[in-house]
Amino acid sequence: MDIQTLTSFFMWCTIINGGIFFLWTVLSLFAQDLVYRIQCKWIPIPRETFNVAIYSFHGLFKIVYLVFNVVPYVALLIVG
């Protein structure tokens, strides 16, 4: 596998995962009640616990996104 293929792969991974993160953030900001009602049908959970879980998963996803998508893409751009 050459460096151009890897750069292209990580570029698309960054774009797709960034879109997922953006959509998740928008839904969490503007449709909190809708998301909470949908999730409560599957898993009964108090609202306070739900808010903590969503906030924690946002942070975890952001860290994983930066470490495994953005950083390799930027490194490949620098090297290439």
PDB file of N, CA and C in Angstrom:
ATOM      1  N   MET A   1       0.851  -1.174   0.000  1.00  0.00           N
ATOM      2  CA  MET A   1       0.000   0.000   0.000  1.00  0.00           C
ATOM      3  C   MET A   1       0.898   1.238   0.000  1.00  0.00           C
ATOM      4  N   ASP A   2       0.619   2.161  -0.887  1.00  0.00           N
ATOM      5  CA  ASP A   2       1.457   3.354  -0.964  1.00  0.00           C
ATOM      6  C   ASP A   2       0.874   4.477  -0.101  1.00  0.00           C
ATOM      7  N   ILE A   3       1.661   5.533   0.046  1.00  0.00           N
ATOM      8  CA  ILE A   3       1.296   6.627   0.940  1.00  0.00           C
ATOM      9  C   ILE A   3       0.067   7.396   0.446  1.00  0.00           C
ATOM     10  N   GLN A   4      -0.131   7.467  -0.863  1.00  0.00           N
ATOM     11  CA  GLN A   4      -1.306   8.161  -1.408  1.00  0.00           C
ATOM     12  C   GLN A   4      -2.597   7.420  -1.044  1.00  0.00           C
ATOM     13  N   THR A   5      -2.568   6.110  -1.109  1.00  0.00           N
ATOM     14  CA  THR A   5      -3.743   5.312  -0.750  1.00  0.00           C
ATOM     15  C   THR A   5      -4.075   5.469   0.727  1.00  0.00           C
ATOM     16  N   LEU A   6      -3.049   5.430   1.574  1.00  0.00           N
ATOM     17  CA  LEU A   6      -3.265   5.619   3.008  1.00  0.00           C
ATOM     18  C   LEU A   6      -3.799   7.018   3.311  1.00  0.00           C
ATOM     19  N   THR A   7      -3.241   8.016   2.645  1.00  0.00           N
ATOM     20  CA  THR A   7      -3.704   9.388   2.855  1.00  0.00           C
ATOM     21  C   THR A   7      -5.165   9.529   2.443  1.00  0.00           C
ATOM     22  N   SER A   8      -5.523   8.947   1.318  1.00  0.00           N
ATOM     23  CA  SER A   8      -6.907   8.990   0.855  1.00  0.00           C
ATOM     24  C   SER A   8      -7.834   8.253   1.823  1.00  0.00           C
ATOM     25  N   PHE A   9      -7.388   7.097   2.313  1.00  0.00           N
ATOM     26  CA  PHE A   9      -8.180   6.327   3.269  1.00  0.00           C
ATOM     27  C   PHE A   9      -8.454   7.135   4.534  1.00  0.00           C
ATOM     28  N   PHE A  10      -7.403   7.717   5.118  1.00  0.00           N
ATOM     29  CA  PHE A  10      -7.589   8.478   6.354  1.00  0.00           C
ATOM     30  C   PHE A  10      -8.347   9.776   6.118  1.00  0.00           C
ATOM     31  N   MET A  11      -8.249  10.344   4.921  1.00  0.00           N
ATOM     32  CA  MET A  11      -9.043  11.532   4.611  1.00  0.00           C
ATOM     33  C   MET A  11     -10.530  11.188   4.660  1.00  0.00           C
ATOM     34  N   TRP A  12     -10.921  10.077   4.009  1.00  0.00           N
ATOM     35  CA  TRP A  12     -12.332   9.700   4.004  1.00  0.00           C
ATOM     36  C   TRP A  12     -12.799   9.248   5.373  1.00  0.00           C
ATOM     37  N   CYS A  13     -11.947   8.579   6.134  1.00  0.00           N
ATOM     38  CA  CYS A  13     -12.306   8.213   7.506  1.00  0.00           C
ATOM     39  C   CYS A  13     -12.567   9.459   8.342  1.00  0.00           C
ATOM     40  N   THR A  14     -11.718  10.472   8.179  1.00  0.00           N
ATOM     41  CA  THR A  14     -11.876  11.719   8.916  1.00  0.00           C
ATOM     42  C   THR A  14     -13.161  12.424   8.518  1.00  0.00           C
ATOM     43  N   ILE A  15     -13.467  12.472   7.234  1.00  0.00           N
ATOM     44  CA  ILE A  15     -14.683  13.142   6.766  1.00  0.00           C
ATOM     45  C   ILE A  15     -15.931  12.410   7.259  1.00  0.00           C
ATOM     46  N   ILE A  16     -15.976  11.104   7.111  1.00  0.00           N
ATOM     47  CA  ILE A  16     -17.165  10.338   7.504  1.00  0.00           C
ATOM     48  C   ILE A  16     -17.381  10.380   9.009  1.00  0.00           C
ATOM     49  N   ASN A  17     -16.333  10.134   9.781  1.00  0.00           N
ATOM     50  CA  ASN A  17     -16.478  10.161  11.234  1.00  0.00           C
ATOM     51  C   ASN A  17     -16.740  11.579  11.755  1.00  0.00           C
ATOM     52  N   GLY A  18     -16.181  12.586  11.087  1.00  0.00           N
ATOM     53  CA  GLY A  18     -16.495  13.968  11.459  1.00  0.00           C
ATOM     54  C   GLY A  18     -17.955  14.292  11.208  1.00  0.00           C
ATOM     55  N   GLY A  19     -18.503  13.777  10.107  1.00  0.00           N
ATOM     56  CA  GLY A  19     -19.926  13.966   9.822  1.00  0.00           C
ATOM     57  C   GLY A  19     -20.809  13.286  10.857  1.00  0.00           C
ATOM     58  N   ILE A  20     -20.433  12.078  11.247  1.00  0.00           N
ATOM     59  CA  ILE A  20     -21.187  11.370  12.282  1.00  0.00           C
ATOM     60  C   ILE A  20     -21.137  12.143  13.591  1.00  0.00           C
ATOM     61  N   PHE A  21     -19.962  12.623  13.959  1.00  0.00           N
ATOM     62  CA  PHE A  21     -19.830  13.394  15.197  1.00  0.00           C
ATOM     63  C   PHE A  21     -20.640  14.689  15.127  1.00  0.00           C
ATOM     64  N   PHE A  22     -20.621  15.363  13.988  1.00  0.00           N
ATOM     65  CA  PHE A  22     -21.382  16.601  13.824  1.00  0.00           C
ATOM     66  C   PHE A  22     -22.888  16.331  13.939  1.00  0.00           C
ATOM     67  N   LEU A  23     -23.367  15.283  13.272  1.00  0.00           N
ATOM     68  CA  LEU A  23     -24.786  14.935  13.341  1.00  0.00           C
ATOM     69  C   LEU A  23     -25.196  14.587  14.764  1.00  0.00           C
ATOM     70  N   TRP A  24     -24.373  13.810  15.440  1.00  0.00           N
ATOM     71  CA  TRP A  24     -24.655  13.429  16.819  1.00  0.00           C
ATOM     72  C   TRP A  24     -24.713  14.667  17.717  1.00  0.00           C
ATOM     73  N   THR A  25     -23.785  15.599  17.522  1.00  0.00           N
ATOM     74  CA  THR A  25     -23.768  16.821  18.321  1.00  0.00           C
ATOM     75  C   THR A  25     -25.007  17.671  18.056  1.00  0.00           C
ATOM     76  N   VAL A  26     -25.382  17.814  16.795  1.00  0.00           N
ATOM     77  CA  VAL A  26     -26.569  18.607  16.456  1.00  0.00           C
ATOM     78  C   VAL A  26     -27.821  17.981  17.057  1.00  0.00           C
ATOM     79  N   LEU A  27     -27.943  16.657  16.943  1.00  0.00           N
ATOM     80  CA  LEU A  27     -29.102  15.986  17.538  1.00  0.00           C
ATOM     81  C   LEU A  27     -29.118  16.139  19.052  1.00  0.00           C
ATOM     82  N   SER A  28     -27.952  16.067  19.680  1.00  0.00           N
ATOM     83  CA  SER A  28     -27.887  16.212  21.128  1.00  0.00           C
ATOM     84  C   SER A  28     -28.225  17.633  21.578  1.00  0.00           C
ATOM     85  N   LEU A  29     -27.897  18.619  20.755  1.00  0.00           N
ATOM     86  CA  LEU A  29     -28.181  19.995  21.127  1.00  0.00           C
ATOM     87  C   LEU A  29     -29.622  20.401  20.866  1.00  0.00           C
ATOM     88  N   PHE A  30     -30.157  20.016  19.711  1.00  0.00           N
ATOM     89  CA  PHE A  30     -31.449  20.541  19.294  1.00  0.00           C
ATOM     90  C   PHE A  30     -32.610  19.562  19.443  1.00  0.00           C
ATOM     91  N   ALA A  31     -32.330  18.303  19.652  1.00  0.00           N
ATOM     92  CA  ALA A  31     -33.407  17.320  19.780  1.00  0.00           C
ATOM     93  C   ALA A  31     -33.176  16.435  21.003  1.00  0.00           C
ATOM     94  N   GLN A  32     -32.817  17.043  22.127  1.00  0.00           N
ATOM     95  CA  GLN A  32     -32.503  16.280  23.328  1.00  0.00           C
ATOM     96  C   GLN A  32     -33.674  15.424  23.787  1.00  0.00           C
ATOM     97  N   ASP A  33     -34.857  16.004  23.806  1.00  0.00           N
ATOM     98  CA  ASP A  33     -36.021  15.260  24.284  1.00  0.00           C
ATOM     99  C   ASP A  33     -36.360  14.093  23.367  1.00  0.00           C
ATOM    100  N   LEU A  34     -36.268  14.312  22.065  1.00  0.00           N
ATOM    101  CA  LEU A  34     -36.540  13.236  21.108  1.00  0.00           C
ATOM    102  C   LEU A  34     -35.558  12.084  21.290  1.00  0.00           C
ATOM    103  N   VAL A  35     -34.286  12.396  21.392  1.00  0.00           N
ATOM    104  CA  VAL A  35     -33.264  11.359  21.579  1.00  0.00           C
ATOM    105  C   VAL A  35     -33.495  10.626  22.895  1.00  0.00           C
ATOM    106  N   TYR A  36     -33.822  11.378  23.946  1.00  0.00           N
ATOM    107  CA  TYR A  36     -34.069  10.753  25.249  1.00  0.00           C
ATOM    108  C   TYR A  36     -35.284   9.829  25.197  1.00  0.00           C
ATOM    109  N   ARG A  37     -36.372  10.256  24.564  1.00  0.00           N
ATOM    110  CA  ARG A  37     -37.574   9.416  24.469  1.00  0.00           C
ATOM    111  C   ARG A  37     -37.301   8.142  23.681  1.00  0.00           C
ATOM    112  N   ILE A  38     -36.549   8.248  22.596  1.00  0.00           N
ATOM    113  CA  ILE A  38     -36.226   7.058  21.800  1.00  0.00           C
ATOM    114  C   ILE A  38     -35.372   6.093  22.607  1.00  0.00           C
ATOM    115  N   GLN A  39     -34.374   6.606  23.297  1.00  0.00           N
ATOM    116  CA  GLN A  39     -33.494   5.740  24.078  1.00  0.00           C
ATOM    117  C   GLN A  39     -34.222   5.109  25.263  1.00  0.00           C
ATOM    118  N   CYS A  40     -35.155   5.834  25.859  1.00  0.00           N
ATOM    119  CA  CYS A  40     -35.879   5.290  27.012  1.00  0.00           C
ATOM    120  C   CYS A  40     -36.786   4.133  26.626  1.00  0.00           C
ATOM    121  N   LYS A  41     -37.179   4.057  25.370  1.00  0.00           N
ATOM    122  CA  LYS A  41     -37.980   2.907  24.936  1.00  0.00           C
ATOM    123  C   LYS A  41     -37.154   1.630  24.962  1.00  0.00           C
ATOM    124  N   TRP A  42     -35.860   1.732  24.713  1.00  0.00           N
ATOM    125  CA  TRP A  42     -34.982   0.571  24.709  1.00  0.00           C
ATOM    126  C   TRP A  42     -34.412   0.280  26.089  1.00  0.00           C
ATOM    127  N   ILE A  43     -33.921   1.327  26.725  1.00  0.00           N
ATOM    128  CA  ILE A  43     -33.283   1.183  28.035  1.00  0.00           C
ATOM    129  C   ILE A  43     -33.875   2.225  28.968  1.00  0.00           C
ATOM    130  N   PRO A  44     -34.650   1.811  29.971  1.00  0.00           N
ATOM    131  CA  PRO A  44     -35.188   2.799  30.914  1.00  0.00           C
ATOM    132  C   PRO A  44     -34.052   3.373  31.770  1.00  0.00           C
ATOM    133  N   ILE A  45     -33.863   4.678  31.682  1.00  0.00           N
ATOM    134  CA  ILE A  45     -32.745   5.335  32.351  1.00  0.00           C
ATOM    135  C   ILE A  45     -33.191   6.727  32.800  1.00  0.00           C
ATOM    136  N   PRO A  46     -32.793   7.155  33.996  1.00  0.00           N
ATOM    137  CA  PRO A  46     -33.162   8.516  34.429  1.00  0.00           C
ATOM    138  C   PRO A  46     -32.496   9.577  33.547  1.00  0.00           C
ATOM    139  N   ARG A  47     -33.123  10.738  33.459  1.00  0.00           N
ATOM    140  CA  ARG A  47     -32.636  11.810  32.580  1.00  0.00           C
ATOM    141  C   ARG A  47     -31.229  12.266  32.958  1.00  0.00           C
ATOM    142  N   GLU A  48     -30.941  12.376  34.249  1.00  0.00           N
ATOM    143  CA  GLU A  48     -29.620  12.830  34.690  1.00  0.00           C
ATOM    144  C   GLU A  48     -28.533  11.839  34.262  1.00  0.00           C
ATOM    145  N   THR A  49     -28.810  10.561  34.404  1.00  0.00           N
ATOM    146  CA  THR A  49     -27.848   9.535  34.000  1.00  0.00           C
ATOM    147  C   THR A  49     -27.657   9.554  32.494  1.00  0.00           C
ATOM    148  N   PHE A  50     -28.740   9.760  31.769  1.00  0.00           N
ATOM    149  CA  PHE A  50     -28.671   9.851  30.314  1.00  0.00           C
ATOM    150  C   PHE A  50     -27.780  11.016  29.881  1.00  0.00           C
ATOM    151  N   ASN A  51     -27.950  12.170  30.514  1.00  0.00           N
ATOM    152  CA  ASN A  51     -27.133  13.336  30.168  1.00  0.00           C
ATOM    153  C   ASN A  51     -25.646  13.077  30.422  1.00  0.00           C
ATOM    154  N   VAL A  52     -25.338  12.432  31.530  1.00  0.00           N
ATOM    155  CA  VAL A  52     -23.939  12.113  31.837  1.00  0.00           C
ATOM    156  C   VAL A  52     -23.388  11.120  30.824  1.00  0.00           C
ATOM    157  N   ALA A  53     -24.180  10.119  30.463  1.00  0.00           N
ATOM    158  CA  ALA A  53     -23.722   9.119  29.495  1.00  0.00           C
ATOM    159  C   ALA A  53     -23.470   9.754  28.132  1.00  0.00           C
ATOM    160  N   ILE A  54     -24.392  10.601  27.671  1.00  0.00           N
ATOM    161  CA  ILE A  54     -24.217  11.257  26.366  1.00  0.00           C
ATOM    162  C   ILE A  54     -22.975  12.145  26.382  1.00  0.00           C
ATOM    163  N   TYR A  55     -22.799  12.923  27.441  1.00  0.00           N
ATOM    164  CA  TYR A  55     -21.630  13.796  27.551  1.00  0.00           C
ATOM    165  C   TYR A  55     -20.336  12.973  27.561  1.00  0.00           C
ATOM    166  N   SER A  56     -20.334  11.863  28.287  1.00  0.00           N
ATOM    167  CA  SER A  56     -19.144  11.011  28.360  1.00  0.00           C
ATOM    168  C   SER A  56     -18.823  10.381  27.008  1.00  0.00           C
ATOM    169  N   PHE A  57     -19.851   9.898  26.315  1.00  0.00           N
ATOM    170  CA  PHE A  57     -19.621   9.296  25.002  1.00  0.00           C
ATOM    171  C   PHE A  57     -19.181  10.328  23.969  1.00  0.00           C
ATOM    172  N   HIS A  58     -19.671  11.554  24.086  1.00  0.00           N
ATOM    173  CA  HIS A  58     -19.189  12.619  23.196  1.00  0.00           C
ATOM    174  C   HIS A  58     -17.688  12.816  23.383  1.00  0.00           C
ATOM    175  N   GLY A  59     -17.272  12.900  24.636  1.00  0.00           N
ATOM    176  CA  GLY A  59     -15.850  13.085  24.928  1.00  0.00           C
ATOM    177  C   GLY A  59     -15.010  11.921  24.444  1.00  0.00           C
ATOM    178  N   LEU A  60     -15.469  10.702  24.680  1.00  0.00           N
ATOM    179  CA  LEU A  60     -14.735   9.522  24.245  1.00  0.00           C
ATOM    180  C   LEU A  60     -14.647   9.463  22.724  1.00  0.00           C
ATOM    181  N   PHE A  61     -15.757   9.727  22.040  1.00  0.00           N
ATOM    182  CA  PHE A  61     -15.758   9.700  20.577  1.00  0.00           C
ATOM    183  C   PHE A  61     -14.818  10.763  20.015  1.00  0.00           C
ATOM    184  N   LYS A  62     -14.808  11.942  20.635  1.00  0.00           N
ATOM    185  CA  LYS A  62     -13.936  13.018  20.164  1.00  0.00           C
ATOM    186  C   LYS A  62     -12.467  12.627  20.309  1.00  0.00           C
ATOM    187  N   ILE A  63     -12.104  12.021  21.421  1.00  0.00           N
ATOM    188  CA  ILE A  63     -10.719  11.594  21.629  1.00  0.00           C
ATOM    189  C   ILE A  63     -10.330  10.514  20.621  1.00  0.00           C
ATOM    190  N   VAL A  64     -11.192   9.516  20.452  1.00  0.00           N
ATOM    191  CA  VAL A  64     -10.914   8.432  19.508  1.00  0.00           C
ATOM    192  C   VAL A  64     -10.840   8.981  18.083  1.00  0.00           C
ATOM    193  N   TYR A  65     -11.735   9.898  17.742  1.00  0.00           N
ATOM    194  CA  TYR A  65     -11.737  10.519  16.414  1.00  0.00           C
ATOM    195  C   TYR A  65     -10.433  11.258  16.157  1.00  0.00           C
ATOM    196  N   LEU A  66      -9.984  12.034  17.114  1.00  0.00           N
ATOM    197  CA  LEU A  66      -8.742  12.779  16.929  1.00  0.00           C
ATOM    198  C   LEU A  66      -7.532  11.859  16.834  1.00  0.00           C
ATOM    199  N   VAL A  67      -7.450  10.873  17.720  1.00  0.00           N
ATOM    200  CA  VAL A  67      -6.277  10.009  17.777  1.00  0.00           C
ATOM    201  C   VAL A  67      -6.195   9.055  16.582  1.00  0.00           C
ATOM    202  N   PHE A  68      -7.328   8.485  16.174  1.00  0.00           N
ATOM    203  CA  PHE A  68      -7.290   7.446  15.150  1.00  0.00           C
ATOM    204  C   PHE A  68      -7.675   7.918  13.753  1.00  0.00           C
ATOM    205  N   ASN A  69      -8.129   9.162  13.597  1.00  0.00           N
ATOM    206  CA  ASN A  69      -8.506   9.654  12.280  1.00  0.00           C
ATOM    207  C   ASN A  69      -7.716  10.900  11.897  1.00  0.00           C
ATOM    208  N   VAL A  70      -7.820  11.932  12.701  1.00  0.00           N
ATOM    209  CA  VAL A  70      -7.226  13.226  12.334  1.00  0.00           C
ATOM    210  C   VAL A  70      -5.702  13.189  12.415  1.00  0.00           C
ATOM    211  N   VAL A  71      -5.161  12.669  13.501  1.00  0.00           N
ATOM    212  CA  VAL A  71      -3.704  12.666  13.678  1.00  0.00           C
ATOM    213  C   VAL A  71      -3.001  11.837  12.592  1.00  0.00           C
ATOM    214  N   PRO A  72      -3.455  10.612  12.281  1.00  0.00           N
ATOM    215  CA  PRO A  72      -2.787   9.889  11.184  1.00  0.00           C
ATOM    216  C   PRO A  72      -2.909  10.599   9.839  1.00  0.00           C
ATOM    217  N   TYR A  73      -4.061  11.223   9.586  1.00  0.00           N
ATOM    218  CA  TYR A  73      -4.240  11.939   8.326  1.00  0.00           C
ATOM    219  C   TYR A  73      -3.278  13.122   8.227  1.00  0.00           C
ATOM    220  N   VAL A  74      -3.172  13.891   9.280  1.00  0.00           N
ATOM    221  CA  VAL A  74      -2.247  15.032   9.279  1.00  0.00           C
ATOM    222  C   VAL A  74      -0.800  14.563   9.157  1.00  0.00           C
ATOM    223  N   ALA A  75      -0.465  13.480   9.862  1.00  0.00           N
ATOM    224  CA  ALA A  75       0.904  12.936   9.776  1.00  0.00           C
ATOM    225  C   ALA A  75       1.225  12.484   8.348  1.00  0.00           C
ATOM    226  N   LEU A  76       0.273  11.840   7.705  1.00  0.00           N
ATOM    227  CA  LEU A  76       0.509  11.406   6.319  1.00  0.00           C
ATOM    228  C   LEU A  76       0.607  12.605   5.369  1.00  0.00           C
ATOM    229  N   LEU A  77      -0.133  13.661   5.633  1.00  0.00           N
ATOM    230  CA  LEU A  77       0.004  14.867   4.817  1.00  0.00           C
ATOM    231  C   LEU A  77       1.381  15.500   4.977  1.00  0.00           C
ATOM    232  N   ILE A  78       1.879  15.481   6.199  1.00  0.00           N
ATOM    233  CA  ILE A  78       3.214  16.057   6.468  1.00  0.00           C
ATOM    234  C   ILE A  78       4.296  15.210   5.790  1.00  0.00           C
ATOM    235  N   VAL A  79       4.189  13.885   5.931  1.00  0.00           N
ATOM    236  CA  VAL A  79       5.198  12.987   5.362  1.00  0.00           C
ATOM    237  C   VAL A  79       5.146  12.984   3.837  1.00  0.00           C
ATOM    238  N   GLY A  80       3.922  13.009   3.303  1.00  0.00           N
ATOM    239  CA  GLY A  80       3.759  12.920   1.844  1.00  0.00           C
ATOM    240  C   GLY A  80       4.063  14.204   1.201  1.00  0.00           C
TER     241      GLY A  80
END
